């Protein structure tokens, strides 16, 4: 498996997997997530792939088929009460549904974790929707622990 920065030539694979992860969220919370839509227009995605503050990584098999991706965002906390740290935030991580359970996600996560260390980040953070129990278990196996918990009541 090869893991590298995604490029404009990878947009079809990214869009295919973005649709898969959106459908997981739509099925779990149709009150919040629309079904059958794209997260980014092609223009937005192409621009994002060039943004050094928002690196996107992708995993490929030997035939060049995209197996997974990880969208990231560098964040620098600047607040009166919080320490000034550099964070790599995982905005979206997805493994193709046809190869889940084959350690693609753990290898992709390890790659991004190492990248964050190399970039001088203090930590690696992400949010996970409570409806996505498989993702929650996966992140716990990777060693992530809750930093804060978002809660809601539907009115």
N, C-alpha and C. Protein backbone atom coordinates (compact mmCIF):
# COMPACT_ATOMS: atom_id res chain seq x y z
N UNK A 1 0.85 -1.18 0.00
CA UNK A 1 0.00 0.00 0.00
C UNK A 1 0.90 1.24 0.00
N UNK A 2 0.51 2.22 -0.80
CA UNK A 2 1.21 3.49 -0.85
C UNK A 2 0.31 4.57 -0.24
N UNK A 3 0.90 5.41 0.61
CA UNK A 3 0.18 6.55 1.18
C UNK A 3 0.96 7.80 0.76
N UNK A 4 0.23 8.79 0.26
CA UNK A 4 0.85 10.03 -0.21
C UNK A 4 -0.17 11.16 -0.18
N UNK A 5 0.33 12.38 -0.42
CA UNK A 5 -0.57 13.52 -0.57
C UNK A 5 -1.44 13.30 -1.79
N UNK A 6 -2.71 13.61 -1.66
CA UNK A 6 -3.64 13.50 -2.78
C UNK A 6 -3.43 14.69 -3.73
N UNK A 7 -3.70 14.45 -5.01
CA UNK A 7 -3.57 15.48 -6.03
C UNK A 7 -4.88 15.60 -6.80
N UNK A 8 -4.94 16.55 -7.68
CA UNK A 8 -6.13 16.77 -8.49
C UNK A 8 -6.50 15.51 -9.29
N UNK A 9 -5.50 14.73 -9.66
CA UNK A 9 -5.76 13.50 -10.41
C UNK A 9 -6.48 12.44 -9.57
N UNK A 10 -6.53 12.64 -8.28
CA UNK A 10 -7.18 11.70 -7.36
C UNK A 10 -8.63 12.07 -7.03
N UNK A 11 -9.13 13.10 -7.67
CA UNK A 11 -10.45 13.61 -7.29
C UNK A 11 -11.58 12.59 -7.46
N UNK A 12 -11.54 11.76 -8.48
CA UNK A 12 -12.60 10.76 -8.65
C UNK A 12 -12.64 9.81 -7.46
N UNK A 13 -11.48 9.33 -7.03
CA UNK A 13 -11.42 8.44 -5.87
C UNK A 13 -11.87 9.13 -4.60
N UNK A 14 -11.44 10.37 -4.43
CA UNK A 14 -11.85 11.13 -3.24
C UNK A 14 -13.36 11.33 -3.22
N UNK A 15 -13.93 11.71 -4.35
CA UNK A 15 -15.38 11.92 -4.42
C UNK A 15 -16.14 10.62 -4.14
N UNK A 16 -15.63 9.50 -4.63
CA UNK A 16 -16.28 8.20 -4.40
C UNK A 16 -16.31 7.90 -2.90
N UNK A 17 -15.21 8.12 -2.22
CA UNK A 17 -15.16 7.83 -0.79
C UNK A 17 -15.88 8.88 0.05
N UNK A 18 -15.82 10.14 -0.38
CA UNK A 18 -16.59 11.18 0.32
C UNK A 18 -18.07 10.84 0.31
N UNK A 19 -18.55 10.30 -0.80
CA UNK A 19 -19.96 9.90 -0.88
C UNK A 19 -20.24 8.77 0.11
N UNK A 20 -19.33 7.79 0.21
CA UNK A 20 -19.54 6.67 1.14
C UNK A 20 -19.67 7.16 2.58
N UNK A 21 -18.76 8.04 3.00
CA UNK A 21 -18.81 8.49 4.38
C UNK A 21 -20.03 9.36 4.64
N UNK A 22 -20.42 10.15 3.65
CA UNK A 22 -21.63 10.96 3.81
C UNK A 22 -22.87 10.08 3.97
N UNK A 23 -22.92 8.98 3.24
CA UNK A 23 -24.07 8.08 3.36
C UNK A 23 -24.15 7.44 4.75
N UNK A 24 -22.99 7.12 5.35
CA UNK A 24 -22.99 6.60 6.72
C UNK A 24 -23.64 7.61 7.66
N UNK A 25 -23.25 8.87 7.50
CA UNK A 25 -23.80 9.91 8.36
C UNK A 25 -25.28 10.18 8.05
N UNK A 26 -25.63 10.16 6.79
CA UNK A 26 -27.03 10.39 6.41
C UNK A 26 -27.93 9.29 6.97
N UNK A 27 -27.50 8.05 6.88
CA UNK A 27 -28.30 6.94 7.41
C UNK A 27 -28.43 7.03 8.93
N UNK A 28 -27.38 7.49 9.60
CA UNK A 28 -27.41 7.59 11.05
C UNK A 28 -28.15 8.81 11.56
N UNK A 29 -28.08 9.93 10.83
CA UNK A 29 -28.73 11.16 11.26
C UNK A 29 -29.30 11.90 10.05
N UNK A 30 -30.38 11.35 9.45
CA UNK A 30 -30.97 12.03 8.30
C UNK A 30 -31.55 13.40 8.65
N UNK A 31 -31.74 13.67 9.94
CA UNK A 31 -32.20 14.99 10.35
C UNK A 31 -31.10 16.04 10.21
N UNK A 32 -29.83 15.61 10.15
CA UNK A 32 -28.71 16.53 10.03
C UNK A 32 -28.00 16.46 8.69
N UNK A 33 -27.86 15.25 8.15
CA UNK A 33 -27.07 15.04 6.94
C UNK A 33 -27.95 14.74 5.74
N UNK A 34 -27.74 15.48 4.67
CA UNK A 34 -28.45 15.23 3.42
C UNK A 34 -27.88 13.98 2.76
N UNK A 35 -28.70 13.29 2.00
CA UNK A 35 -28.24 12.13 1.26
C UNK A 35 -28.02 12.47 -0.20
N UNK A 36 -27.09 11.74 -0.84
CA UNK A 36 -26.89 11.88 -2.27
C UNK A 36 -26.30 13.21 -2.71
N UNK A 37 -25.61 13.91 -1.83
CA UNK A 37 -25.01 15.20 -2.20
C UNK A 37 -23.49 15.09 -2.08
N UNK A 38 -22.80 16.07 -2.65
CA UNK A 38 -21.34 16.12 -2.55
C UNK A 38 -20.94 17.09 -1.46
N UNK A 39 -19.90 16.73 -0.72
CA UNK A 39 -19.40 17.60 0.34
C UNK A 39 -18.72 18.84 -0.25
N UNK A 40 -18.01 18.65 -1.35
CA UNK A 40 -17.30 19.75 -2.02
C UNK A 40 -17.65 19.75 -3.50
N UNK A 41 -17.71 20.94 -4.09
CA UNK A 41 -17.77 21.00 -5.55
C UNK A 41 -16.39 20.58 -6.06
N UNK A 42 -16.30 20.27 -7.34
CA UNK A 42 -15.00 19.90 -7.90
C UNK A 42 -14.01 21.05 -7.77
N UNK A 43 -14.49 22.27 -7.93
CA UNK A 43 -13.61 23.43 -7.81
C UNK A 43 -13.12 23.59 -6.37
N UNK A 44 -14.00 23.43 -5.40
CA UNK A 44 -13.61 23.51 -3.99
C UNK A 44 -12.59 22.43 -3.64
N UNK A 45 -12.83 21.22 -4.12
CA UNK A 45 -11.92 20.12 -3.84
C UNK A 45 -10.56 20.35 -4.48
N UNK A 46 -10.55 20.82 -5.72
CA UNK A 46 -9.28 21.10 -6.41
C UNK A 46 -8.50 22.17 -5.65
N UNK A 47 -9.17 23.22 -5.18
CA UNK A 47 -8.50 24.27 -4.40
C UNK A 47 -7.98 23.73 -3.08
N UNK A 48 -8.76 22.91 -2.43
CA UNK A 48 -8.37 22.34 -1.15
C UNK A 48 -7.10 21.49 -1.29
N UNK A 49 -6.99 20.76 -2.38
CA UNK A 49 -5.83 19.89 -2.60
C UNK A 49 -4.53 20.68 -2.76
N UNK A 50 -4.63 21.97 -3.05
CA UNK A 50 -3.46 22.82 -3.19
C UNK A 50 -3.13 23.61 -1.93
N UNK A 51 -3.99 23.54 -0.93
CA UNK A 51 -3.86 24.32 0.30
C UNK A 51 -2.90 23.62 1.27
N UNK A 52 -1.76 24.24 1.53
CA UNK A 52 -0.75 23.65 2.42
C UNK A 52 -1.22 23.57 3.87
N UNK A 53 -2.22 24.36 4.24
CA UNK A 53 -2.75 24.32 5.60
C UNK A 53 -3.83 23.25 5.77
N UNK A 54 -4.20 22.60 4.67
CA UNK A 54 -5.24 21.57 4.70
C UNK A 54 -4.80 20.34 3.91
N UNK A 55 -3.73 19.66 4.36
CA UNK A 55 -3.24 18.52 3.58
C UNK A 55 -4.25 17.37 3.53
N UNK A 56 -4.28 16.72 2.39
CA UNK A 56 -5.14 15.56 2.18
C UNK A 56 -4.23 14.40 1.79
N UNK A 57 -4.36 13.29 2.49
CA UNK A 57 -3.55 12.11 2.23
C UNK A 57 -4.46 11.00 1.72
N UNK A 58 -3.90 10.13 0.88
CA UNK A 58 -4.69 9.03 0.34
C UNK A 58 -3.84 7.77 0.32
N UNK A 59 -4.51 6.64 0.51
CA UNK A 59 -3.89 5.32 0.48
C UNK A 59 -4.33 4.60 -0.79
N UNK A 60 -3.39 3.94 -1.44
CA UNK A 60 -3.64 3.27 -2.72
C UNK A 60 -3.12 1.84 -2.69
N UNK A 61 -3.81 0.95 -3.40
CA UNK A 61 -3.31 -0.41 -3.55
C UNK A 61 -2.30 -0.47 -4.70
N UNK A 62 -1.80 -1.64 -4.99
CA UNK A 62 -0.77 -1.82 -6.01
C UNK A 62 -1.25 -1.43 -7.40
N UNK A 63 -2.54 -1.51 -7.65
CA UNK A 63 -3.10 -1.14 -8.95
C UNK A 63 -3.45 0.35 -9.04
N UNK A 64 -3.20 1.09 -7.98
CA UNK A 64 -3.49 2.52 -7.98
C UNK A 64 -4.90 2.88 -7.56
N UNK A 65 -5.68 1.92 -7.06
CA UNK A 65 -7.05 2.18 -6.60
C UNK A 65 -7.00 2.79 -5.21
N UNK A 66 -7.75 3.87 -5.01
CA UNK A 66 -7.77 4.54 -3.72
C UNK A 66 -8.53 3.69 -2.71
N UNK A 67 -7.87 3.43 -1.58
CA UNK A 67 -8.45 2.61 -0.52
C UNK A 67 -8.98 3.46 0.63
N UNK A 68 -8.45 4.65 0.77
CA UNK A 68 -8.88 5.52 1.87
C UNK A 68 -8.25 6.88 1.74
N UNK A 69 -8.75 7.81 2.57
CA UNK A 69 -8.21 9.17 2.57
C UNK A 69 -8.25 9.73 3.97
N UNK A 70 -7.52 10.84 4.16
CA UNK A 70 -7.56 11.57 5.41
C UNK A 70 -7.40 13.06 5.10
N UNK A 71 -8.46 13.83 5.33
CA UNK A 71 -8.44 15.28 5.17
C UNK A 71 -8.02 15.89 6.49
N UNK A 72 -7.02 16.78 6.46
CA UNK A 72 -6.49 17.37 7.68
C UNK A 72 -6.49 18.89 7.61
N UNK A 73 -6.39 19.52 8.77
CA UNK A 73 -6.31 20.98 8.86
C UNK A 73 -5.33 21.32 9.99
N UNK A 74 -4.34 22.16 9.67
CA UNK A 74 -3.47 22.68 10.72
C UNK A 74 -4.24 23.74 11.48
N UNK A 75 -4.14 23.70 12.81
CA UNK A 75 -4.76 24.70 13.65
C UNK A 75 -3.74 25.19 14.67
N UNK A 76 -3.77 26.47 14.93
CA UNK A 76 -2.91 27.07 15.94
C UNK A 76 -3.83 27.75 16.94
N UNK A 77 -3.89 27.19 18.14
CA UNK A 77 -4.76 27.76 19.17
C UNK A 77 -4.14 29.04 19.72
N UNK A 78 -4.91 30.10 19.72
CA UNK A 78 -4.48 31.35 20.32
C UNK A 78 -5.65 31.89 21.11
N UNK A 79 -5.52 31.77 22.42
CA UNK A 79 -6.61 32.10 23.30
C UNK A 79 -6.01 32.61 24.61
N UNK A 80 -6.74 33.43 25.31
CA UNK A 80 -6.23 33.95 26.58
C UNK A 80 -6.05 32.89 27.65
N UNK A 81 -6.83 31.82 27.59
CA UNK A 81 -6.76 30.83 28.66
C UNK A 81 -6.11 29.52 28.24
N UNK A 82 -5.92 29.30 26.93
CA UNK A 82 -5.32 28.06 26.45
C UNK A 82 -3.88 28.30 26.03
N UNK A 83 -3.07 27.26 26.14
CA UNK A 83 -1.69 27.38 25.69
C UNK A 83 -1.65 27.45 24.17
N UNK A 84 -0.62 28.03 23.64
CA UNK A 84 -0.44 28.22 22.20
C UNK A 84 0.21 26.97 21.61
N UNK A 85 -0.60 26.09 21.05
CA UNK A 85 -0.08 24.84 20.49
C UNK A 85 -0.50 24.69 19.03
N UNK A 86 0.31 23.95 18.30
CA UNK A 86 0.01 23.63 16.92
C UNK A 86 -0.61 22.24 16.88
N UNK A 87 -1.77 22.14 16.23
CA UNK A 87 -2.55 20.91 16.16
C UNK A 87 -2.76 20.51 14.72
N UNK A 88 -2.74 19.22 14.45
CA UNK A 88 -3.23 18.73 13.17
C UNK A 88 -4.58 18.08 13.45
N UNK A 89 -5.62 18.67 12.89
CA UNK A 89 -6.99 18.21 13.09
C UNK A 89 -7.37 17.32 11.90
N UNK A 90 -7.87 16.14 12.18
CA UNK A 90 -8.38 15.24 11.14
C UNK A 90 -9.83 15.62 10.91
N UNK A 91 -10.09 16.22 9.76
CA UNK A 91 -11.43 16.66 9.42
C UNK A 91 -12.28 15.50 8.91
N UNK A 92 -11.65 14.54 8.27
CA UNK A 92 -12.40 13.43 7.66
C UNK A 92 -11.42 12.30 7.37
N UNK A 93 -11.73 11.11 7.82
CA UNK A 93 -10.95 9.92 7.51
C UNK A 93 -11.92 8.85 7.05
N UNK A 94 -11.65 8.26 5.90
CA UNK A 94 -12.55 7.25 5.36
C UNK A 94 -11.75 6.13 4.72
N UNK A 95 -12.20 4.91 4.93
CA UNK A 95 -11.67 3.73 4.25
C UNK A 95 -12.79 3.16 3.40
N UNK A 96 -12.47 2.81 2.17
CA UNK A 96 -13.46 2.23 1.26
C UNK A 96 -14.16 1.07 1.94
N UNK A 97 -15.48 1.06 1.86
CA UNK A 97 -16.27 0.02 2.54
C UNK A 97 -15.89 -1.39 2.10
N UNK A 98 -15.31 -1.54 0.91
CA UNK A 98 -14.94 -2.87 0.41
C UNK A 98 -13.67 -3.41 1.05
N UNK A 99 -12.91 -2.55 1.75
CA UNK A 99 -11.66 -3.05 2.35
C UNK A 99 -11.53 -2.67 3.82
N UNK A 100 -12.64 -2.39 4.48
CA UNK A 100 -12.59 -2.11 5.91
C UNK A 100 -12.22 -3.39 6.66
N UNK A 101 -11.50 -3.23 7.75
CA UNK A 101 -11.03 -4.38 8.52
C UNK A 101 -9.72 -4.94 8.02
N UNK A 102 -9.10 -4.31 7.01
CA UNK A 102 -7.84 -4.79 6.45
C UNK A 102 -6.66 -3.90 6.84
N UNK A 103 -6.82 -3.10 7.87
CA UNK A 103 -5.78 -2.24 8.45
C UNK A 103 -5.39 -1.05 7.58
N UNK A 104 -6.21 -0.72 6.60
CA UNK A 104 -5.95 0.47 5.79
C UNK A 104 -6.05 1.71 6.67
N UNK A 105 -7.10 1.78 7.48
CA UNK A 105 -7.31 2.94 8.34
C UNK A 105 -6.20 3.11 9.35
N UNK A 106 -5.75 2.03 9.96
CA UNK A 106 -4.70 2.15 10.97
C UNK A 106 -3.38 2.59 10.34
N UNK A 107 -3.09 2.12 9.13
CA UNK A 107 -1.87 2.56 8.44
C UNK A 107 -1.98 4.03 8.02
N UNK A 108 -3.14 4.41 7.55
CA UNK A 108 -3.36 5.81 7.16
C UNK A 108 -3.25 6.72 8.39
N UNK A 109 -3.87 6.31 9.49
CA UNK A 109 -3.79 7.10 10.71
C UNK A 109 -2.34 7.21 11.20
N UNK A 110 -1.59 6.11 11.18
CA UNK A 110 -0.19 6.13 11.62
C UNK A 110 0.63 7.07 10.74
N UNK A 111 0.37 7.06 9.45
CA UNK A 111 1.08 7.95 8.53
C UNK A 111 0.81 9.41 8.88
N UNK A 112 -0.46 9.74 9.09
CA UNK A 112 -0.83 11.11 9.43
C UNK A 112 -0.28 11.50 10.80
N UNK A 113 -0.27 10.59 11.73
CA UNK A 113 0.29 10.85 13.06
C UNK A 113 1.77 11.19 12.95
N UNK A 114 2.50 10.41 12.18
CA UNK A 114 3.93 10.68 11.98
C UNK A 114 4.14 12.02 11.27
N UNK A 115 3.30 12.31 10.29
CA UNK A 115 3.39 13.58 9.58
C UNK A 115 3.20 14.74 10.56
N UNK A 116 2.21 14.62 11.44
CA UNK A 116 1.96 15.68 12.43
C UNK A 116 3.17 15.88 13.32
N UNK A 117 3.79 14.80 13.76
CA UNK A 117 5.01 14.90 14.58
C UNK A 117 6.11 15.62 13.82
N UNK A 118 6.31 15.23 12.56
CA UNK A 118 7.35 15.85 11.73
C UNK A 118 7.11 17.34 11.54
N UNK A 119 5.85 17.76 11.54
CA UNK A 119 5.50 19.15 11.34
C UNK A 119 5.51 19.95 12.64
N UNK A 120 5.91 19.32 13.73
CA UNK A 120 6.03 20.01 15.01
C UNK A 120 4.72 20.20 15.75
N UNK A 121 3.73 19.38 15.44
CA UNK A 121 2.45 19.49 16.12
C UNK A 121 2.53 18.92 17.54
N UNK A 122 1.78 19.53 18.43
CA UNK A 122 1.67 19.06 19.80
C UNK A 122 0.74 17.86 19.89
N UNK A 123 -0.35 17.91 19.09
CA UNK A 123 -1.33 16.84 19.15
C UNK A 123 -2.04 16.66 17.82
N UNK A 124 -2.79 15.60 17.75
CA UNK A 124 -3.62 15.25 16.61
C UNK A 124 -5.02 15.09 17.16
N UNK A 125 -5.99 15.81 16.58
CA UNK A 125 -7.35 15.79 17.11
C UNK A 125 -8.35 15.47 16.00
N UNK A 126 -9.54 15.12 16.41
CA UNK A 126 -10.63 14.86 15.48
C UNK A 126 -11.93 14.86 16.24
N UNK A 127 -13.02 14.92 15.50
CA UNK A 127 -14.36 14.74 16.05
C UNK A 127 -14.93 13.48 15.43
N UNK A 128 -15.74 12.77 16.18
CA UNK A 128 -16.43 11.60 15.64
C UNK A 128 -17.88 11.67 16.08
N UNK A 129 -18.78 11.42 15.13
CA UNK A 129 -20.21 11.44 15.44
C UNK A 129 -20.56 10.21 16.25
N UNK A 130 -21.36 10.39 17.29
CA UNK A 130 -21.76 9.29 18.17
C UNK A 130 -22.47 8.18 17.39
N UNK A 131 -23.14 8.54 16.30
CA UNK A 131 -23.85 7.54 15.49
C UNK A 131 -22.90 6.56 14.81
N UNK A 132 -21.63 6.93 14.65
CA UNK A 132 -20.68 6.11 13.92
C UNK A 132 -19.86 5.28 14.91
N UNK A 133 -20.48 4.24 15.45
CA UNK A 133 -19.86 3.42 16.48
C UNK A 133 -18.60 2.71 15.99
N UNK A 134 -18.60 2.30 14.71
CA UNK A 134 -17.41 1.64 14.16
C UNK A 134 -16.22 2.59 14.17
N UNK A 135 -16.44 3.84 13.76
CA UNK A 135 -15.35 4.82 13.76
C UNK A 135 -14.88 5.09 15.18
N UNK A 136 -15.81 5.21 16.11
CA UNK A 136 -15.45 5.46 17.50
C UNK A 136 -14.54 4.34 18.03
N UNK A 137 -14.90 3.10 17.78
CA UNK A 137 -14.08 1.96 18.23
C UNK A 137 -12.71 1.99 17.54
N UNK A 138 -12.70 2.31 16.24
CA UNK A 138 -11.44 2.38 15.51
C UNK A 138 -10.50 3.42 16.14
N UNK A 139 -11.01 4.61 16.41
CA UNK A 139 -10.17 5.66 16.98
C UNK A 139 -9.69 5.29 18.38
N UNK A 140 -10.52 4.64 19.15
CA UNK A 140 -10.09 4.19 20.47
C UNK A 140 -8.96 3.18 20.35
N UNK A 141 -9.03 2.27 19.37
CA UNK A 141 -7.95 1.30 19.14
C UNK A 141 -6.67 2.00 18.72
N UNK A 142 -6.78 3.14 18.06
CA UNK A 142 -5.61 3.92 17.66
C UNK A 142 -5.01 4.69 18.83
N UNK A 143 -5.68 4.68 19.97
CA UNK A 143 -5.15 5.33 21.16
C UNK A 143 -5.72 6.71 21.44
N UNK A 144 -6.71 7.14 20.67
CA UNK A 144 -7.32 8.44 20.94
C UNK A 144 -8.26 8.33 22.14
N UNK A 145 -8.32 9.41 22.90
CA UNK A 145 -9.21 9.48 24.06
C UNK A 145 -10.03 10.77 23.94
N UNK A 146 -11.20 10.81 24.56
CA UNK A 146 -12.02 12.03 24.48
C UNK A 146 -11.27 13.24 25.04
N UNK A 147 -11.36 14.34 24.30
CA UNK A 147 -10.80 15.61 24.76
C UNK A 147 -11.92 16.50 25.29
N UNK A 148 -13.02 16.51 24.59
CA UNK A 148 -14.23 17.21 25.02
C UNK A 148 -15.40 16.47 24.39
N UNK A 149 -16.57 16.66 24.93
CA UNK A 149 -17.74 15.94 24.44
C UNK A 149 -18.82 16.95 24.09
N UNK A 150 -19.32 16.88 22.85
CA UNK A 150 -20.43 17.71 22.43
C UNK A 150 -21.74 17.02 22.73
N UNK A 151 -22.71 17.74 23.17
CA UNK A 151 -23.99 17.15 23.53
C UNK A 151 -25.11 17.98 22.91
N UNK A 152 -26.30 17.37 22.77
CA UNK A 152 -27.43 18.07 22.18
C UNK A 152 -28.73 17.60 22.78
N UNK A 153 -29.75 18.41 22.59
CA UNK A 153 -31.12 18.01 22.80
C UNK A 153 -31.90 18.51 21.59
N UNK A 154 -32.70 17.64 21.01
CA UNK A 154 -33.48 18.02 19.84
C UNK A 154 -34.79 18.62 20.33
N UNK A 155 -35.12 19.79 19.82
CA UNK A 155 -36.31 20.51 20.30
C UNK A 155 -37.54 20.23 19.45
